[in-house]
């Protein structure tokens, strides 16, 4: 199944964690252990959870630099 996301990498570059221990941080800059914890617990529903899932995949594959370039 091929699903088109409702957001772009530019959206991920601008996304801020809205709650929790790391409230106010850019999603892409969240510590890997925190993203992995959420992956195991279950990401939030909706767009935020989808973006966090992408951040997990980017961090897992060492591709955060793709989003960091968009932040400049």
N, C-alpha and C. Protein backbone atom coordinates (compact mmCIF):
# COMPACT_ATOMS: atom_id res chain seq x y z
N UNK A 1 0.84 -1.17 0.00
CA UNK A 1 0.00 0.00 0.00
C UNK A 1 0.89 1.24 0.00
N UNK A 2 0.58 2.19 -0.85
CA UNK A 2 1.34 3.42 -0.97
C UNK A 2 0.49 4.57 -0.44
N UNK A 3 0.92 5.19 0.65
CA UNK A 3 0.17 6.26 1.28
C UNK A 3 0.94 7.57 1.13
N UNK A 4 0.27 8.59 0.67
CA UNK A 4 0.89 9.90 0.53
C UNK A 4 0.74 10.65 1.86
N UNK A 5 1.87 11.08 2.45
CA UNK A 5 1.78 11.79 3.73
C UNK A 5 1.11 13.15 3.57
N UNK A 6 0.52 13.63 4.63
CA UNK A 6 -0.16 14.93 4.61
C UNK A 6 0.77 16.06 5.01
N UNK A 7 2.07 15.82 4.93
CA UNK A 7 3.05 16.83 5.30
C UNK A 7 4.31 16.61 4.48
N UNK A 8 5.16 17.62 4.47
CA UNK A 8 6.41 17.56 3.72
C UNK A 8 7.60 17.56 4.68
N UNK A 9 8.78 17.38 4.13
CA UNK A 9 9.98 17.49 4.97
C UNK A 9 10.12 18.90 5.54
N UNK A 10 9.65 19.89 4.79
CA UNK A 10 9.67 21.26 5.30
C UNK A 10 8.79 21.39 6.54
N UNK A 11 7.65 20.71 6.52
CA UNK A 11 6.78 20.71 7.70
C UNK A 11 7.48 20.07 8.90
N UNK A 12 8.18 18.97 8.65
CA UNK A 12 8.92 18.29 9.73
C UNK A 12 10.02 19.20 10.26
N UNK A 13 10.68 19.95 9.37
CA UNK A 13 11.76 20.85 9.78
C UNK A 13 11.25 21.95 10.71
N UNK A 14 9.97 22.32 10.58
CA UNK A 14 9.38 23.40 11.39
C UNK A 14 8.60 22.89 12.60
N UNK A 15 8.38 21.59 12.67
CA UNK A 15 7.51 21.02 13.70
C UNK A 15 8.17 21.07 15.08
N UNK A 16 7.39 21.48 16.06
CA UNK A 16 7.84 21.63 17.45
C UNK A 16 7.08 20.63 18.31
N UNK A 17 7.77 20.02 19.26
CA UNK A 17 7.12 19.11 20.20
C UNK A 17 6.21 19.94 21.10
N UNK A 18 4.89 19.66 21.11
CA UNK A 18 3.96 20.52 21.84
C UNK A 18 3.76 20.19 23.32
N UNK A 19 4.33 19.10 23.80
CA UNK A 19 4.10 18.70 25.19
C UNK A 19 5.24 17.81 25.67
N UNK A 20 5.21 17.50 26.96
CA UNK A 20 6.15 16.55 27.53
C UNK A 20 7.49 17.16 27.93
N UNK A 21 8.40 16.27 28.23
CA UNK A 21 9.73 16.63 28.71
C UNK A 21 10.48 17.53 27.74
N UNK A 22 10.26 17.34 26.45
CA UNK A 22 10.99 18.09 25.42
C UNK A 22 10.10 19.10 24.71
N UNK A 23 9.09 19.59 25.40
CA UNK A 23 8.19 20.60 24.84
C UNK A 23 9.01 21.79 24.34
N UNK A 24 8.69 22.25 23.13
CA UNK A 24 9.37 23.41 22.56
C UNK A 24 10.54 23.08 21.66
N UNK A 25 10.98 21.84 21.64
CA UNK A 25 12.10 21.44 20.77
C UNK A 25 11.58 21.04 19.40
N UNK A 26 12.42 21.26 18.39
CA UNK A 26 12.09 20.77 17.06
C UNK A 26 12.06 19.25 17.10
N UNK A 27 11.08 18.65 16.42
CA UNK A 27 10.96 17.19 16.43
C UNK A 27 12.25 16.52 15.98
N UNK A 28 12.87 17.06 14.95
CA UNK A 28 14.07 16.43 14.40
C UNK A 28 15.22 16.46 15.40
N UNK A 29 15.15 17.36 16.39
CA UNK A 29 16.22 17.47 17.40
C UNK A 29 15.91 16.72 18.69
N UNK A 30 14.80 15.98 18.72
CA UNK A 30 14.50 15.18 19.90
C UNK A 30 15.54 14.09 20.05
N UNK A 31 15.95 13.77 21.27
CA UNK A 31 16.92 12.69 21.47
C UNK A 31 16.39 11.37 20.91
N UNK A 32 17.30 10.61 20.34
CA UNK A 32 16.92 9.33 19.73
C UNK A 32 16.23 8.41 20.74
N UNK A 33 16.73 8.37 21.97
CA UNK A 33 16.13 7.47 22.96
C UNK A 33 14.67 7.84 23.23
N UNK A 34 14.33 9.12 23.14
CA UNK A 34 12.96 9.58 23.35
C UNK A 34 12.06 9.14 22.19
N UNK A 35 12.55 9.27 20.98
CA UNK A 35 11.79 8.83 19.80
C UNK A 35 11.61 7.32 19.83
N UNK A 36 12.64 6.59 20.21
CA UNK A 36 12.54 5.12 20.31
C UNK A 36 11.55 4.74 21.39
N UNK A 37 11.55 5.45 22.51
CA UNK A 37 10.59 5.19 23.58
C UNK A 37 9.16 5.37 23.07
N UNK A 38 8.94 6.46 22.32
CA UNK A 38 7.61 6.68 21.75
C UNK A 38 7.26 5.61 20.72
N UNK A 39 8.24 5.17 19.97
CA UNK A 39 8.00 4.11 18.97
C UNK A 39 7.50 2.85 19.67
N UNK A 40 8.10 2.52 20.80
CA UNK A 40 7.70 1.33 21.55
C UNK A 40 6.36 1.52 22.26
N UNK A 41 6.11 2.73 22.74
CA UNK A 41 4.89 3.05 23.48
C UNK A 41 3.72 3.25 22.53
N UNK A 42 4.03 3.81 21.37
CA UNK A 42 3.01 4.18 20.40
C UNK A 42 3.01 5.69 20.20
N UNK A 43 3.22 6.10 18.97
CA UNK A 43 3.22 7.53 18.67
C UNK A 43 1.81 8.09 18.86
N UNK A 44 1.71 9.39 19.14
CA UNK A 44 0.39 10.01 19.24
C UNK A 44 -0.38 9.85 17.92
N UNK A 45 -1.67 9.93 18.00
CA UNK A 45 -2.51 9.85 16.81
C UNK A 45 -2.38 11.12 15.99
N UNK A 46 -2.61 11.01 14.71
CA UNK A 46 -2.68 12.18 13.84
C UNK A 46 -1.34 12.59 13.24
N UNK A 47 -1.31 13.83 12.80
CA UNK A 47 -0.16 14.37 12.08
C UNK A 47 1.11 14.35 12.92
N UNK A 48 0.99 14.72 14.20
CA UNK A 48 2.17 14.72 15.08
C UNK A 48 2.78 13.33 15.14
N UNK A 49 1.97 12.33 15.36
CA UNK A 49 2.46 10.96 15.43
C UNK A 49 3.09 10.51 14.12
N UNK A 50 2.48 10.90 13.01
CA UNK A 50 3.04 10.56 11.69
C UNK A 50 4.41 11.21 11.50
N UNK A 51 4.52 12.47 11.92
CA UNK A 51 5.81 13.17 11.81
C UNK A 51 6.85 12.54 12.72
N UNK A 52 6.45 12.17 13.92
CA UNK A 52 7.39 11.52 14.84
C UNK A 52 7.84 10.17 14.28
N UNK A 53 6.95 9.48 13.60
CA UNK A 53 7.32 8.23 12.96
C UNK A 53 8.35 8.45 11.87
N UNK A 54 8.19 9.54 11.11
CA UNK A 54 9.19 9.86 10.09
C UNK A 54 10.52 10.24 10.73
N UNK A 55 10.47 11.01 11.81
CA UNK A 55 11.70 11.36 12.53
C UNK A 55 12.41 10.10 13.01
N UNK A 56 11.65 9.13 13.51
CA UNK A 56 12.23 7.85 13.93
C UNK A 56 12.97 7.20 12.76
N UNK A 57 12.33 7.13 11.61
CA UNK A 57 12.96 6.50 10.44
C UNK A 57 14.19 7.28 9.99
N UNK A 58 14.10 8.61 10.00
CA UNK A 58 15.25 9.43 9.61
C UNK A 58 16.43 9.21 10.56
N UNK A 59 16.14 9.21 11.87
CA UNK A 59 17.22 8.99 12.84
C UNK A 59 17.78 7.58 12.73
N UNK A 60 16.93 6.61 12.55
CA UNK A 60 17.36 5.22 12.43
C UNK A 60 18.34 5.04 11.27
N UNK A 61 18.09 5.78 10.18
CA UNK A 61 18.90 5.64 8.98
C UNK A 61 19.95 6.74 8.82
N UNK A 62 20.11 7.57 9.85
CA UNK A 62 21.14 8.61 9.83
C UNK A 62 20.89 9.70 8.80
N UNK A 63 19.63 10.04 8.57
CA UNK A 63 19.28 11.01 7.53
C UNK A 63 18.77 12.34 8.08
N UNK A 64 19.02 12.62 9.34
CA UNK A 64 18.55 13.87 9.94
C UNK A 64 19.08 15.09 9.18
N UNK A 65 20.26 14.95 8.59
CA UNK A 65 20.86 16.09 7.86
C UNK A 65 19.96 16.60 6.75
N UNK A 66 19.12 15.75 6.19
CA UNK A 66 18.20 16.19 5.14
C UNK A 66 17.22 17.23 5.67
N UNK A 67 16.77 17.04 6.89
CA UNK A 67 15.84 18.00 7.49
C UNK A 67 16.60 19.20 8.03
N UNK A 68 17.78 18.99 8.59
CA UNK A 68 18.56 20.11 9.12
C UNK A 68 18.88 21.12 8.03
N UNK A 69 19.12 20.67 6.81
CA UNK A 69 19.39 21.60 5.69
C UNK A 69 18.19 22.50 5.44
N UNK A 70 17.00 21.99 5.63
CA UNK A 70 15.79 22.76 5.38
C UNK A 70 15.53 23.78 6.47
N UNK A 71 16.17 23.63 7.61
CA UNK A 71 15.96 24.53 8.74
C UNK A 71 16.74 25.83 8.59
N UNK A 72 17.68 25.87 7.67
CA UNK A 72 18.54 27.06 7.50
C UNK A 72 17.84 28.14 6.70
